[in-house]
Each structure stands twice: as C-alpha cells, then as structure tokens.
Amino acid sequence: MRYFLFVLAKELGMTVRQLTANIDSYEIQEWSAFYKIQNEEKSGKKPLQSGELKDKLKSAFSGAKAKAKRMKR
C-alpha cells in the first residue's frame, strides 16, 4: 500500500505527506480500486459492463468502509 501512496501522490502532483493530510483512507482505497480496474482492462481482460463495474467497486469499497470504521474507534 505504501508504494501505491507514492504512485498516487506523483500522479496528483503532491508529496505523500500532502496526500495523506488531504485525502482520507477511504478515498485512497477508491483510487486504488480505480487503478486496479484500469490495469485489468489494459492487460487485455474484457471491458467491464456497467453492472460488473458497479459490483467490482461495491466489493472493493465494502472492505474499505469496514476498515475505516475500525480505524475511527
């Protein structure tokens, strides 16, 4: 995950410190899921239909929401 923070920070034109100060862990998980899906499509997997994309995102984010709730405690 730390490597991904550097990738995302570079993509957004900020340092990792700036990124983590301005974006919460839930949004970082969303970005991670976005890049994962994007990479799968580029690697030759068939393009996702809208329902499949919705299901994949929902699955990816359900874990992130639970983790974020645990971290707030």
N, C-alpha and C. Protein backbone atom coordinates (compact mmCIF):
# COMPACT_ATOMS: atom_id res chain seq x y z
N MET A 1 0.83 -1.20 0.00
CA MET A 1 0.00 0.00 0.00
C MET A 1 0.87 1.26 0.00
N ARG A 2 1.99 1.20 0.66
CA ARG A 2 2.86 2.38 0.72
C ARG A 2 3.34 2.77 -0.67
N TYR A 3 3.68 1.77 -1.49
CA TYR A 3 4.10 2.05 -2.86
C TYR A 3 3.00 2.79 -3.61
N PHE A 4 1.77 2.34 -3.43
CA PHE A 4 0.64 2.98 -4.11
C PHE A 4 0.50 4.44 -3.69
N LEU A 5 0.77 4.76 -2.43
CA LEU A 5 0.69 6.15 -1.98
C LEU A 5 1.66 7.03 -2.77
N PHE A 6 2.85 6.50 -3.04
CA PHE A 6 3.83 7.26 -3.82
C PHE A 6 3.36 7.43 -5.27
N VAL A 7 2.80 6.37 -5.84
CA VAL A 7 2.28 6.44 -7.21
C VAL A 7 1.18 7.49 -7.30
N LEU A 8 0.23 7.42 -6.39
CA LEU A 8 -0.89 8.35 -6.40
C LEU A 8 -0.44 9.79 -6.15
N ALA A 9 0.45 9.97 -5.19
CA ALA A 9 0.96 11.32 -4.90
C ALA A 9 1.65 11.91 -6.13
N LYS A 10 2.45 11.11 -6.80
CA LYS A 10 3.12 11.58 -8.01
C LYS A 10 2.09 11.96 -9.08
N GLU A 11 1.09 11.11 -9.25
CA GLU A 11 0.05 11.36 -10.25
C GLU A 11 -0.71 12.65 -9.95
N LEU A 12 -0.92 12.95 -8.68
CA LEU A 12 -1.68 14.13 -8.29
C LEU A 12 -0.79 15.36 -8.07
N GLY A 13 0.52 15.19 -8.22
CA GLY A 13 1.43 16.32 -8.09
C GLY A 13 1.63 16.80 -6.67
N MET A 14 1.71 15.87 -5.73
CA MET A 14 1.93 16.25 -4.34
C MET A 14 2.83 15.22 -3.67
N THR A 15 3.28 15.55 -2.47
CA THR A 15 4.07 14.60 -1.70
C THR A 15 3.13 13.61 -1.01
N VAL A 16 3.71 12.52 -0.52
CA VAL A 16 2.90 11.55 0.22
C VAL A 16 2.34 12.20 1.47
N ARG A 17 3.11 13.04 2.12
CA ARG A 17 2.62 13.74 3.32
C ARG A 17 1.42 14.62 3.00
N GLN A 18 1.50 15.36 1.89
CA GLN A 18 0.38 16.20 1.47
C GLN A 18 -0.84 15.33 1.14
N LEU A 19 -0.59 14.23 0.44
CA LEU A 19 -1.67 13.33 0.06
C LEU A 19 -2.40 12.81 1.29
N THR A 20 -1.67 12.29 2.25
CA THR A 20 -2.31 11.69 3.42
C THR A 20 -2.93 12.74 4.34
N ALA A 21 -2.48 13.98 4.23
CA ALA A 21 -3.08 15.05 5.03
C ALA A 21 -4.39 15.54 4.41
N ASN A 22 -4.52 15.38 3.10
CA ASN A 22 -5.67 15.95 2.40
C ASN A 22 -6.70 14.93 1.91
N ILE A 23 -6.33 13.67 1.87
CA ILE A 23 -7.24 12.64 1.37
C ILE A 23 -7.37 11.56 2.44
N ASP A 24 -8.61 11.20 2.79
CA ASP A 24 -8.79 10.18 3.82
C ASP A 24 -8.55 8.78 3.25
N SER A 25 -8.45 7.81 4.14
CA SER A 25 -8.12 6.44 3.73
C SER A 25 -9.19 5.84 2.82
N TYR A 26 -10.42 6.25 2.98
CA TYR A 26 -11.49 5.74 2.12
C TYR A 26 -11.27 6.17 0.68
N GLU A 27 -10.93 7.44 0.48
CA GLU A 27 -10.70 7.91 -0.89
C GLU A 27 -9.46 7.27 -1.49
N ILE A 28 -8.45 7.04 -0.68
CA ILE A 28 -7.25 6.35 -1.17
C ILE A 28 -7.62 4.94 -1.63
N GLN A 29 -8.48 4.26 -0.89
CA GLN A 29 -8.95 2.93 -1.30
C GLN A 29 -9.73 3.01 -2.61
N GLU A 30 -10.51 4.07 -2.78
CA GLU A 30 -11.24 4.24 -4.03
C GLU A 30 -10.28 4.41 -5.21
N TRP A 31 -9.24 5.22 -5.01
CA TRP A 31 -8.24 5.39 -6.06
C TRP A 31 -7.55 4.06 -6.36
N SER A 32 -7.24 3.30 -5.34
CA SER A 32 -6.60 2.01 -5.52
C SER A 32 -7.47 1.08 -6.36
N ALA A 33 -8.76 1.04 -6.05
CA ALA A 33 -9.69 0.20 -6.82
C ALA A 33 -9.78 0.68 -8.26
N PHE A 34 -9.80 1.99 -8.46
CA PHE A 34 -9.86 2.55 -9.81
C PHE A 34 -8.65 2.10 -10.62
N TYR A 35 -7.45 2.23 -10.06
CA TYR A 35 -6.24 1.84 -10.78
C TYR A 35 -6.20 0.33 -11.03
N LYS A 36 -6.68 -0.44 -10.08
CA LYS A 36 -6.71 -1.90 -10.25
C LYS A 36 -7.61 -2.27 -11.44
N ILE A 37 -8.77 -1.69 -11.50
CA ILE A 37 -9.69 -1.97 -12.60
C ILE A 37 -9.10 -1.49 -13.92
N GLN A 38 -8.52 -0.31 -13.91
CA GLN A 38 -7.91 0.25 -15.11
C GLN A 38 -6.79 -0.66 -15.62
N ASN A 39 -5.96 -1.16 -14.73
CA ASN A 39 -4.86 -2.05 -15.12
C ASN A 39 -5.38 -3.38 -15.65
N GLU A 40 -6.45 -3.89 -15.08
CA GLU A 40 -7.03 -5.13 -15.57
C GLU A 40 -7.52 -4.95 -17.00
N GLU A 41 -8.16 -3.83 -17.28
CA GLU A 41 -8.66 -3.57 -18.63
C GLU A 41 -7.51 -3.43 -19.61
N LYS A 42 -6.41 -2.78 -19.21
CA LYS A 42 -5.26 -2.60 -20.08
C LYS A 42 -4.53 -3.91 -20.35
N SER A 43 -4.62 -4.85 -19.42
CA SER A 43 -3.90 -6.12 -19.57
C SER A 43 -4.61 -7.09 -20.50
N GLY A 44 -5.70 -6.66 -21.10
CA GLY A 44 -6.37 -7.49 -22.09
C GLY A 44 -7.61 -8.19 -21.60
N LYS A 45 -7.98 -7.96 -20.37
CA LYS A 45 -9.23 -8.53 -19.90
C LYS A 45 -10.37 -7.80 -20.59
N LYS A 46 -11.48 -8.50 -20.76
CA LYS A 46 -12.61 -7.88 -21.46
C LYS A 46 -13.10 -6.65 -20.70
N PRO A 47 -13.54 -5.64 -21.42
CA PRO A 47 -14.05 -4.43 -20.75
C PRO A 47 -15.25 -4.78 -19.87
N LEU A 48 -15.34 -4.11 -18.76
CA LEU A 48 -16.44 -4.35 -17.82
C LEU A 48 -17.72 -3.69 -18.33
N GLN A 49 -18.79 -4.38 -18.14
CA GLN A 49 -20.10 -3.79 -18.39
C GLN A 49 -20.44 -2.95 -17.16
N SER A 50 -21.38 -2.04 -17.28
CA SER A 50 -21.68 -1.13 -16.17
C SER A 50 -22.07 -1.88 -14.91
N GLY A 51 -22.82 -2.96 -15.02
CA GLY A 51 -23.20 -3.73 -13.84
C GLY A 51 -22.02 -4.41 -13.19
N GLU A 52 -21.11 -4.92 -14.02
CA GLU A 52 -19.91 -5.57 -13.49
C GLU A 52 -19.02 -4.56 -12.78
N LEU A 53 -18.88 -3.38 -13.36
CA LEU A 53 -18.08 -2.33 -12.74
C LEU A 53 -18.67 -1.95 -11.39
N LYS A 54 -19.98 -1.78 -11.36
CA LYS A 54 -20.66 -1.43 -10.10
C LYS A 54 -20.40 -2.50 -9.05
N ASP A 55 -20.51 -3.78 -9.42
CA ASP A 55 -20.29 -4.86 -8.48
C ASP A 55 -18.84 -4.89 -7.98
N LYS A 56 -17.89 -4.68 -8.90
CA LYS A 56 -16.48 -4.68 -8.50
C LYS A 56 -16.16 -3.54 -7.54
N LEU A 57 -16.66 -2.36 -7.85
CA LEU A 57 -16.43 -1.21 -6.98
C LEU A 57 -17.08 -1.41 -5.62
N LYS A 58 -18.30 -1.93 -5.62
CA LYS A 58 -19.00 -2.16 -4.36
C LYS A 58 -18.22 -3.15 -3.50
N SER A 59 -17.72 -4.20 -4.12
CA SER A 59 -16.94 -5.20 -3.40
C SER A 59 -15.65 -4.60 -2.85
N ALA A 60 -14.97 -3.82 -3.66
CA ALA A 60 -13.70 -3.22 -3.24
C ALA A 60 -13.91 -2.23 -2.10
N PHE A 61 -14.98 -1.45 -2.17
CA PHE A 61 -15.19 -0.41 -1.17
C PHE A 61 -15.83 -0.91 0.11
N SER A 62 -16.51 -2.04 0.06
CA SER A 62 -17.12 -2.54 1.29
C SER A 62 -16.05 -2.87 2.32
N GLY A 63 -14.93 -3.40 1.87
CA GLY A 63 -13.82 -3.68 2.78
C GLY A 63 -13.19 -2.40 3.29
N ALA A 64 -13.09 -1.39 2.44
CA ALA A 64 -12.50 -0.12 2.84
C ALA A 64 -13.36 0.59 3.88
N LYS A 65 -14.68 0.52 3.71
CA LYS A 65 -15.58 1.16 4.68
C LYS A 65 -15.44 0.51 6.05
N ALA A 66 -15.41 -0.82 6.07
CA ALA A 66 -15.28 -1.53 7.34
C ALA A 66 -13.96 -1.19 8.01
N LYS A 67 -12.89 -1.13 7.22
CA LYS A 67 -11.58 -0.81 7.77
C LYS A 67 -11.56 0.61 8.32
N ALA A 68 -12.16 1.55 7.59
CA ALA A 68 -12.21 2.95 8.04
C ALA A 68 -12.98 3.08 9.35
N LYS A 69 -14.07 2.32 9.49
CA LYS A 69 -14.85 2.37 10.73
C LYS A 69 -14.03 1.85 11.90
N ARG A 70 -13.28 0.76 11.66
CA ARG A 70 -12.44 0.19 12.73
C ARG A 70 -11.36 1.17 13.14
N MET A 71 -10.81 1.91 12.18
CA MET A 71 -9.72 2.85 12.47
C MET A 71 -10.20 4.04 13.26
N LYS A 72 -11.46 4.42 13.12
CA LYS A 72 -12.00 5.58 13.83
C LYS A 72 -12.25 5.29 15.30
N ARG A 73 -12.32 4.04 15.65
CA ARG A 73 -12.62 3.69 17.05
C ARG A 73 -11.47 4.01 17.95
